Amino acid sequence: MLNLPAFILFASEATEVGLWAGGFLLLAVIALLADWRRARRKDIDRVGCVPWTLVFLASATIGAGLLLVAIKGWLGG
């Protein structure tokens, strides 16, 4: 059994969705920084295997959608 803090344990569904949205938006920022770092490397032939642009677009889209649902839930009561 997980010992969750009270603010998460008794949170509304809108708050839980908002926390998921924050996680996805944080992942989008990390992917954006990783893509920026890859574009400015000295050895251009070392491309890597993670499609950071796709990770950014997917996580930003999911995060924005979840944030809109959470805001609608918070405003609706």
PDB file of N, CA and C in Angstrom:
ATOM      1  N   MET A   1       0.842  -1.190   0.000  1.00  0.00           N
ATOM      2  CA  MET A   1       0.000   0.000   0.000  1.00  0.00           C
ATOM      3  C   MET A   1       0.875   1.236   0.000  1.00  0.00           C
ATOM      4  N   LEU A   2       0.560   2.141  -0.861  1.00  0.00           N
ATOM      5  CA  LEU A   2       1.310   3.388  -0.948  1.00  0.00           C
ATOM      6  C   LEU A   2       0.858   4.353   0.136  1.00  0.00           C
ATOM      7  N   ASN A   3       1.804   5.022   0.730  1.00  0.00           N
ATOM      8  CA  ASN A   3       1.491   6.066   1.702  1.00  0.00           C
ATOM      9  C   ASN A   3       1.529   7.408   0.988  1.00  0.00           C
ATOM     10  N   LEU A   4       0.400   7.777   0.397  1.00  0.00           N
ATOM     11  CA  LEU A   4       0.313   9.020  -0.347  1.00  0.00           C
ATOM     12  C   LEU A   4       0.016  10.177   0.597  1.00  0.00           C
ATOM     13  N   PRO A   5       0.524  11.368   0.268  1.00  0.00           N
ATOM     14  CA  PRO A   5       0.158  12.534   1.073  1.00  0.00           C
ATOM     15  C   PRO A   5      -1.350  12.791   0.983  1.00  0.00           C
ATOM     16  N   ALA A   6      -1.894  13.442   1.987  1.00  0.00           N
ATOM     17  CA  ALA A   6      -3.344  13.657   2.064  1.00  0.00           C
ATOM     18  C   ALA A   6      -3.863  14.477   0.898  1.00  0.00           C
ATOM     19  N   PHE A   7      -3.070  15.449   0.420  1.00  0.00           N
ATOM     20  CA  PHE A   7      -3.575  16.280  -0.677  1.00  0.00           C
ATOM     21  C   PHE A   7      -3.706  15.502  -1.977  1.00  0.00           C
ATOM     22  N   ILE A   8      -2.977  14.401  -2.110  1.00  0.00           N
ATOM     23  CA  ILE A   8      -3.137  13.557  -3.301  1.00  0.00           C
ATOM     24  C   ILE A   8      -4.177  12.471  -3.043  1.00  0.00           C
ATOM     25  N   LEU A   9      -4.181  11.934  -1.842  1.00  0.00           N
ATOM     26  CA  LEU A   9      -5.096  10.845  -1.507  1.00  0.00           C
ATOM     27  C   LEU A   9      -6.552  11.296  -1.600  1.00  0.00           C
ATOM     28  N   PHE A  10      -6.833  12.506  -1.160  1.00  0.00           N
ATOM     29  CA  PHE A  10      -8.208  13.006  -1.162  1.00  0.00           C
ATOM     30  C   PHE A  10      -8.448  14.049  -2.247  1.00  0.00           C
ATOM     31  N   ALA A  11      -7.617  14.072  -3.269  1.00  0.00           N
ATOM     32  CA  ALA A  11      -7.758  15.054  -4.345  1.00  0.00           C
ATOM     33  C   ALA A  11      -8.919  14.677  -5.257  1.00  0.00           C
ATOM     34  N   SER A  12      -9.477  15.683  -5.883  1.00  0.00           N
ATOM     35  CA  SER A  12     -10.539  15.428  -6.855  1.00  0.00           C
ATOM     36  C   SER A  12      -9.931  14.850  -8.133  1.00  0.00           C
ATOM     37  N   GLU A  13     -10.811  14.364  -8.984  1.00  0.00           N
ATOM     38  CA  GLU A  13     -10.330  13.824 -10.254  1.00  0.00           C
ATOM     39  C   GLU A  13      -9.686  14.912 -11.099  1.00  0.00           C
ATOM     40  N   ALA A  14     -10.209  16.127 -11.011  1.00  0.00           N
ATOM     41  CA  ALA A  14      -9.629  17.232 -11.777  1.00  0.00           C
ATOM     42  C   ALA A  14      -8.205  17.529 -11.313  1.00  0.00           C
ATOM     43  N   THR A  15      -7.964  17.442 -10.020  1.00  0.00           N
ATOM     44  CA  THR A  15      -6.620  17.680  -9.500  1.00  0.00           C
ATOM     45  C   THR A  15      -5.666  16.573  -9.930  1.00  0.00           C
ATOM     46  N   GLU A  16      -6.141  15.340  -9.913  1.00  0.00           N
ATOM     47  CA  GLU A  16      -5.299  14.236 -10.370  1.00  0.00           C
ATOM     48  C   GLU A  16      -4.945  14.396 -11.852  1.00  0.00           C
ATOM     49  N   VAL A  17      -5.913  14.788 -12.659  1.00  0.00           N
ATOM     50  CA  VAL A  17      -5.651  15.020 -14.079  1.00  0.00           C
ATOM     51  C   VAL A  17      -4.687  16.188 -14.243  1.00  0.00           C
ATOM     52  N   GLY A  18      -4.817  17.210 -13.404  1.00  0.00           N
ATOM     53  CA  GLY A  18      -3.899  18.341 -13.448  1.00  0.00           C
ATOM     54  C   GLY A  18      -2.476  17.941 -13.107  1.00  0.00           C
ATOM     55  N   LEU A  19      -2.316  17.022 -12.163  1.00  0.00           N
ATOM     56  CA  LEU A  19      -0.974  16.532 -11.834  1.00  0.00           C
ATOM     57  C   LEU A  19      -0.376  15.742 -12.993  1.00  0.00           C
ATOM     58  N   TRP A  20      -1.200  14.927 -13.650  1.00  0.00           N
ATOM     59  CA  TRP A  20      -0.717  14.207 -14.835  1.00  0.00           C
ATOM     60  C   TRP A  20      -0.331  15.186 -15.938  1.00  0.00           C
ATOM     61  N   ALA A  21      -1.124  16.238 -16.098  1.00  0.00           N
ATOM     62  CA  ALA A  21      -0.813  17.250 -17.112  1.00  0.00           C
ATOM     63  C   ALA A  21       0.523  17.913 -16.807  1.00  0.00           C
ATOM     64  N   GLY A  22       0.758  18.224 -15.544  1.00  0.00           N
ATOM     65  CA  GLY A  22       2.039  18.814 -15.158  1.00  0.00           C
ATOM     66  C   GLY A  22       3.209  17.898 -15.458  1.00  0.00           C
ATOM     67  N   GLY A  23       3.026  16.598 -15.241  1.00  0.00           N
ATOM     68  CA  GLY A  23       4.080  15.639 -15.551  1.00  0.00           C
ATOM     69  C   GLY A  23       4.384  15.573 -17.037  1.00  0.00           C
ATOM     70  N   PHE A  24       3.335  15.560 -17.846  1.00  0.00           N
ATOM     71  CA  PHE A  24       3.549  15.520 -19.293  1.00  0.00           C
ATOM     72  C   PHE A  24       4.172  16.813 -19.800  1.00  0.00           C
ATOM     73  N   LEU A  25       3.772  17.953 -19.242  1.00  0.00           N
ATOM     74  CA  LEU A  25       4.366  19.218 -19.670  1.00  0.00           C
ATOM     75  C   LEU A  25       5.825  19.317 -19.223  1.00  0.00           C
ATOM     76  N   LEU A  26       6.153  18.762 -18.066  1.00  0.00           N
ATOM     77  CA  LEU A  26       7.555  18.712 -17.635  1.00  0.00           C
ATOM     78  C   LEU A  26       8.376  17.840 -18.584  1.00  0.00           C
ATOM     79  N   LEU A  27       7.821  16.701 -18.989  1.00  0.00           N
ATOM     80  CA  LEU A  27       8.495  15.850 -19.963  1.00  0.00           C
ATOM     81  C   LEU A  27       8.694  16.587 -21.286  1.00  0.00           C
ATOM     82  N   ALA A  28       7.719  17.403 -21.684  1.00  0.00           N
ATOM     83  CA  ALA A  28       7.845  18.173 -22.924  1.00  0.00           C
ATOM     84  C   ALA A  28       8.989  19.180 -22.827  1.00  0.00           C
ATOM     85  N   VAL A  29       9.131  19.824 -21.682  1.00  0.00           N
ATOM     86  CA  VAL A  29      10.228  20.782 -21.504  1.00  0.00           C
ATOM     87  C   VAL A  29      11.578  20.068 -21.536  1.00  0.00           C
ATOM     88  N   ILE A  30      11.661  18.906 -20.905  1.00  0.00           N
ATOM     89  CA  ILE A  30      12.908  18.134 -20.915  1.00  0.00           C
ATOM     90  C   ILE A  30      13.251  17.708 -22.338  1.00  0.00           C
ATOM     91  N   ALA A  31      12.253  17.258 -23.098  1.00  0.00           N
ATOM     92  CA  ALA A  31      12.492  16.852 -24.489  1.00  0.00           C
ATOM     93  C   ALA A  31      12.904  18.039 -25.344  1.00  0.00           C
ATOM     94  N   LEU A  32      12.316  19.197 -25.087  1.00  0.00           N
ATOM     95  CA  LEU A  32      12.693  20.398 -25.836  1.00  0.00           C
ATOM     96  C   LEU A  32      14.151  20.765 -25.566  1.00  0.00           C
ATOM     97  N   LEU A  33      14.561  20.687 -24.310  1.00  0.00           N
ATOM     98  CA  LEU A  33      15.960  20.974 -23.973  1.00  0.00           C
ATOM     99  C   LEU A  33      16.914  19.941 -24.570  1.00  0.00           C
ATOM    100  N   ALA A  34      16.503  18.680 -24.581  1.00  0.00           N
ATOM    101  CA  ALA A  34      17.343  17.632 -25.165  1.00  0.00           C
ATOM    102  C   ALA A  34      17.484  17.822 -26.677  1.00  0.00           C
ATOM    103  N   ASP A  35      16.407  18.221 -27.339  1.00  0.00           N
ATOM    104  CA  ASP A  35      16.478  18.469 -28.777  1.00  0.00           C
ATOM    105  C   ASP A  35      17.344  19.692 -29.072  1.00  0.00           C
ATOM    106  N   TRP A  36      17.231  20.720 -28.253  1.00  0.00           N
ATOM    107  CA  TRP A  36      18.062  21.924 -28.405  1.00  0.00           C
ATOM    108  C   TRP A  36      19.540  21.564 -28.217  1.00  0.00           C
ATOM    109  N   ARG A  37      19.815  20.712 -27.232  1.00  0.00           N
ATOM    110  CA  ARG A  37      21.195  20.296 -26.979  1.00  0.00           C
ATOM    111  C   ARG A  37      21.745  19.472 -28.135  1.00  0.00           C
ATOM    112  N   ARG A  38      20.903  18.593 -28.699  1.00  0.00           N
ATOM    113  CA  ARG A  38      21.342  17.771 -29.819  1.00  0.00           C
ATOM    114  C   ARG A  38      21.646  18.627 -31.046  1.00  0.00           C
ATOM    115  N   ALA A  39      20.871  19.667 -31.275  1.00  0.00           N
ATOM    116  CA  ALA A  39      21.066  20.513 -32.453  1.00  0.00           C
ATOM    117  C   ALA A  39      22.354  21.318 -32.380  1.00  0.00           C
ATOM    118  N   ARG A  40      22.882  21.529 -31.185  1.00  0.00           N
ATOM    119  CA  ARG A  40      24.068  22.367 -31.027  1.00  0.00           C
ATOM    120  C   ARG A  40      25.328  21.587 -30.647  1.00  0.00           C
ATOM    121  N   ARG A  41      25.336  20.288 -30.892  1.00  0.00           N
ATOM    122  CA  ARG A  41      26.527  19.507 -30.554  1.00  0.00           C
ATOM    123  C   ARG A  41      27.623  19.696 -31.591  1.00  0.00           C
ATOM    124  N   LYS A  42      28.849  19.472 -31.165  1.00  0.00           N
ATOM    125  CA  LYS A  42      30.000  19.669 -32.054  1.00  0.00           C
ATOM    126  C   LYS A  42      30.112  18.556 -33.084  1.00  0.00           C
ATOM    127  N   ASP A  43      29.972  17.305 -32.633  1.00  0.00           N
ATOM    128  CA  ASP A  43      30.091  16.162 -33.541  1.00  0.00           C
ATOM    129  C   ASP A  43      28.709  15.855 -34.115  1.00  0.00           C
ATOM    130  N   ILE A  44      28.408  16.402 -35.261  1.00  0.00           N
ATOM    131  CA  ILE A  44      27.069  16.307 -35.843  1.00  0.00           C
ATOM    132  C   ILE A  44      26.717  14.879 -36.259  1.00  0.00           C
ATOM    133  N   ASP A  45      27.715  14.010 -36.431  1.00  0.00           N
ATOM    134  CA  ASP A  45      27.454  12.633 -36.844  1.00  0.00           C
ATOM    135  C   ASP A  45      26.913  11.770 -35.711  1.00  0.00           C
ATOM    136  N   ARG A  46      27.054  12.194 -34.478  1.00  0.00           N
ATOM    137  CA  ARG A  46      26.509  11.445 -33.334  1.00  0.00           C
ATOM    138  C   ARG A  46      25.076  11.906 -33.093  1.00  0.00           C
ATOM    139  N   VAL A  47      24.157  11.365 -33.854  1.00  0.00           N
ATOM    140  CA  VAL A  47      22.776  11.841 -33.821  1.00  0.00           C
ATOM    141  C   VAL A  47      22.029  11.324 -32.598  1.00  0.00           C
ATOM    142  N   GLY A  48      22.196  10.086 -32.234  1.00  0.00           N
ATOM    143  CA  GLY A  48      21.437   9.505 -31.136  1.00  0.00           C
ATOM    144  C   GLY A  48      20.261   8.716 -31.660  1.00  0.00           C
ATOM    145  N   CYS A  49      19.502   8.112 -30.753  1.00  0.00           N
ATOM    146  CA  CYS A  49      18.405   7.247 -31.197  1.00  0.00           C
ATOM    147  C   CYS A  49      17.043   7.691 -30.661  1.00  0.00           C
ATOM    148  N   VAL A  50      16.961   8.765 -29.890  1.00  0.00           N
ATOM    149  CA  VAL A  50      15.681   9.206 -29.339  1.00  0.00           C
ATOM    150  C   VAL A  50      15.123  10.334 -30.210  1.00  0.00           C
ATOM    151  N   PRO A  51      13.901  10.175 -30.700  1.00  0.00           N
ATOM    152  CA  PRO A  51      13.292  11.245 -31.509  1.00  0.00           C
ATOM    153  C   PRO A  51      12.716  12.335 -30.596  1.00  0.00           C
ATOM    154  N   TRP A  52      13.565  13.249 -30.154  1.00  0.00           N
ATOM    155  CA  TRP A  52      13.156  14.236 -29.151  1.00  0.00           C
ATOM    156  C   TRP A  52      12.038  15.137 -29.642  1.00  0.00           C
ATOM    157  N   THR A  53      12.007  15.441 -30.928  1.00  0.00           N
ATOM    158  CA  THR A  53      10.937  16.288 -31.448  1.00  0.00           C
ATOM    159  C   THR A  53       9.590  15.594 -31.319  1.00  0.00           C
ATOM    160  N   LEU A  54       9.539  14.319 -31.643  1.00  0.00           N
ATOM    161  CA  LEU A  54       8.304  13.553 -31.504  1.00  0.00           C
ATOM    162  C   LEU A  54       7.894  13.428 -30.037  1.00  0.00           C
ATOM    163  N   VAL A  55       8.864  13.195 -29.149  1.00  0.00           N
ATOM    164  CA  VAL A  55       8.567  13.113 -27.720  1.00  0.00           C
ATOM    165  C   VAL A  55       8.004  14.441 -27.230  1.00  0.00           C
ATOM    166  N   PHE A  56       8.592  15.549 -27.684  1.00  0.00           N
ATOM    167  CA  PHE A  56       8.102  16.859 -27.287  1.00  0.00           C
ATOM    168  C   PHE A  56       6.678  17.093 -27.777  1.00  0.00           C
ATOM    169  N   LEU A  57       6.429  16.838 -29.060  1.00  0.00           N
ATOM    170  CA  LEU A  57       5.102  17.095 -29.612  1.00  0.00           C
ATOM    171  C   LEU A  57       4.038  16.223 -28.956  1.00  0.00           C
ATOM    172  N   ALA A  58       4.334  14.962 -28.756  1.00  0.00           N
ATOM    173  CA  ALA A  58       3.354  14.060 -28.148  1.00  0.00           C
ATOM    174  C   ALA A  58       3.065  14.447 -26.701  1.00  0.00           C
ATOM    175  N   SER A  59       4.110  14.682 -25.917  1.00  0.00           N
ATOM    176  CA  SER A  59       3.882  14.995 -24.504  1.00  0.00           C
ATOM    177  C   SER A  59       3.264  16.380 -24.322  1.00  0.00           C
ATOM    178  N   ALA A  60       3.614  17.346 -25.167  1.00  0.00           N
ATOM    179  CA  ALA A  60       3.008  18.669 -25.065  1.00  0.00           C
ATOM    180  C   ALA A  60       1.526  18.621 -25.445  1.00  0.00           C
ATOM    181  N   THR A  61       1.182  17.848 -26.452  1.00  0.00           N
ATOM    182  CA  THR A  61      -0.216  17.724 -26.856  1.00  0.00           C
ATOM    183  C   THR A  61      -1.039  17.034 -25.774  1.00  0.00           C
ATOM    184  N   ILE A  62      -0.522  15.936 -25.244  1.00  0.00           N
ATOM    185  CA  ILE A  62      -1.237  15.222 -24.189  1.00  0.00           C
ATOM    186  C   ILE A  62      -1.348  16.094 -22.938  1.00  0.00           C
ATOM    187  N   GLY A  63      -0.260  16.759 -22.572  1.00  0.00           N
ATOM    188  CA  GLY A  63      -0.277  17.617 -21.390  1.00  0.00           C
ATOM    189  C   GLY A  63      -1.243  18.775 -21.527  1.00  0.00           C
ATOM    190  N   ALA A  64      -1.286  19.403 -22.693  1.00  0.00           N
ATOM    191  CA  ALA A  64      -2.209  20.519 -22.903  1.00  0.00           C
ATOM    192  C   ALA A  64      -3.661  20.039 -22.872  1.00  0.00           C
ATOM    193  N   GLY A  65      -3.918  18.902 -23.461  1.00  0.00           N
ATOM    194  CA  GLY A  65      -5.282  18.360 -23.427  1.00  0.00           C
ATOM    195  C   GLY A  65      -5.724  18.015 -22.022  1.00  0.00           C
ATOM    196  N   LEU A  66      -4.850  17.380 -21.258  1.00  0.00           N
ATOM    197  CA  LEU A  66      -5.184  17.054 -19.874  1.00  0.00           C
ATOM    198  C   LEU A  66      -5.362  18.309 -19.029  1.00  0.00           C
ATOM    199  N   LEU A  67      -4.555  19.326 -19.297  1.00  0.00           N
ATOM    200  CA  LEU A  67      -4.688  20.582 -18.556  1.00  0.00           C
ATOM    201  C   LEU A  67      -6.026  21.252 -18.845  1.00  0.00           C
ATOM    202  N   LEU A  68      -6.471  21.216 -20.083  1.00  0.00           N
ATOM    203  CA  LEU A  68      -7.773  21.778 -20.420  1.00  0.00           C
ATOM    204  C   LEU A  68      -8.904  21.031 -19.713  1.00  0.00           C
ATOM    205  N   VAL A  69      -8.800  19.713 -19.655  1.00  0.00           N
ATOM    206  CA  VAL A  69      -9.820  18.915 -18.957  1.00  0.00           C
ATOM    207  C   VAL A  69      -9.799  19.232 -17.461  1.00  0.00           C
ATOM    208  N   ALA A  70      -8.611  19.384 -16.891  1.00  0.00           N
ATOM    209  CA  ALA A  70      -8.500  19.693 -15.460  1.00  0.00           C
ATOM    210  C   ALA A  70      -9.077  21.070 -15.162  1.00  0.00           C
ATOM    211  N   ILE A  71      -8.783  22.049 -16.000  1.00  0.00           N
ATOM    212  CA  ILE A  71      -9.310  23.402 -15.779  1.00  0.00           C
ATOM    213  C   ILE A  71     -10.832  23.393 -15.879  1.00  0.00           C
ATOM    214  N   LYS A  72     -11.357  22.647 -16.820  1.00  0.00           N
ATOM    215  CA  LYS A  72     -12.806  22.541 -16.947  1.00  0.00           C
ATOM    216  C   LYS A  72     -13.409  21.905 -15.693  1.00  0.00           C
ATOM    217  N   GLY A  73     -12.751  20.914 -15.139  1.00  0.00           N
ATOM    218  CA  GLY A  73     -13.224  20.287 -13.917  1.00  0.00           C
ATOM    219  C   GLY A  73     -13.130  21.208 -12.710  1.00  0.00           C
ATOM    220  N   TRP A  74     -12.064  22.001 -12.622  1.00  0.00           N
ATOM    221  CA  TRP A  74     -11.923  22.930 -11.510  1.00  0.00           C
ATOM    222  C   TRP A  74     -12.959  24.034 -11.571  1.00  0.00           C
ATOM    223  N   LEU A  75     -13.233  24.541 -12.772  1.00  0.00           N
ATOM    224  CA  LEU A  75     -14.211  25.614 -12.902  1.00  0.00           C
ATOM    225  C   LEU A  75     -15.650  25.111 -12.748  1.00  0.00           C
ATOM    226  N   GLY A  76     -15.870  23.854 -13.086  1.00  0.00           N
ATOM    227  CA  GLY A  76     -17.204  23.290 -12.980  1.00  0.00           C
ATOM    228  C   GLY A  76     -17.608  22.930 -11.563  1.00  0.00           C
ATOM    229  N   GLY A  77     -16.646  22.855 -10.670  1.00  0.00           N
ATOM    230  CA  GLY A  77     -16.968  22.571  -9.271  1.00  0.00           C
ATOM    231  C   GLY A  77     -16.696  21.185  -8.983  1.00  0.00           C
TER     232      GLY A  77
END
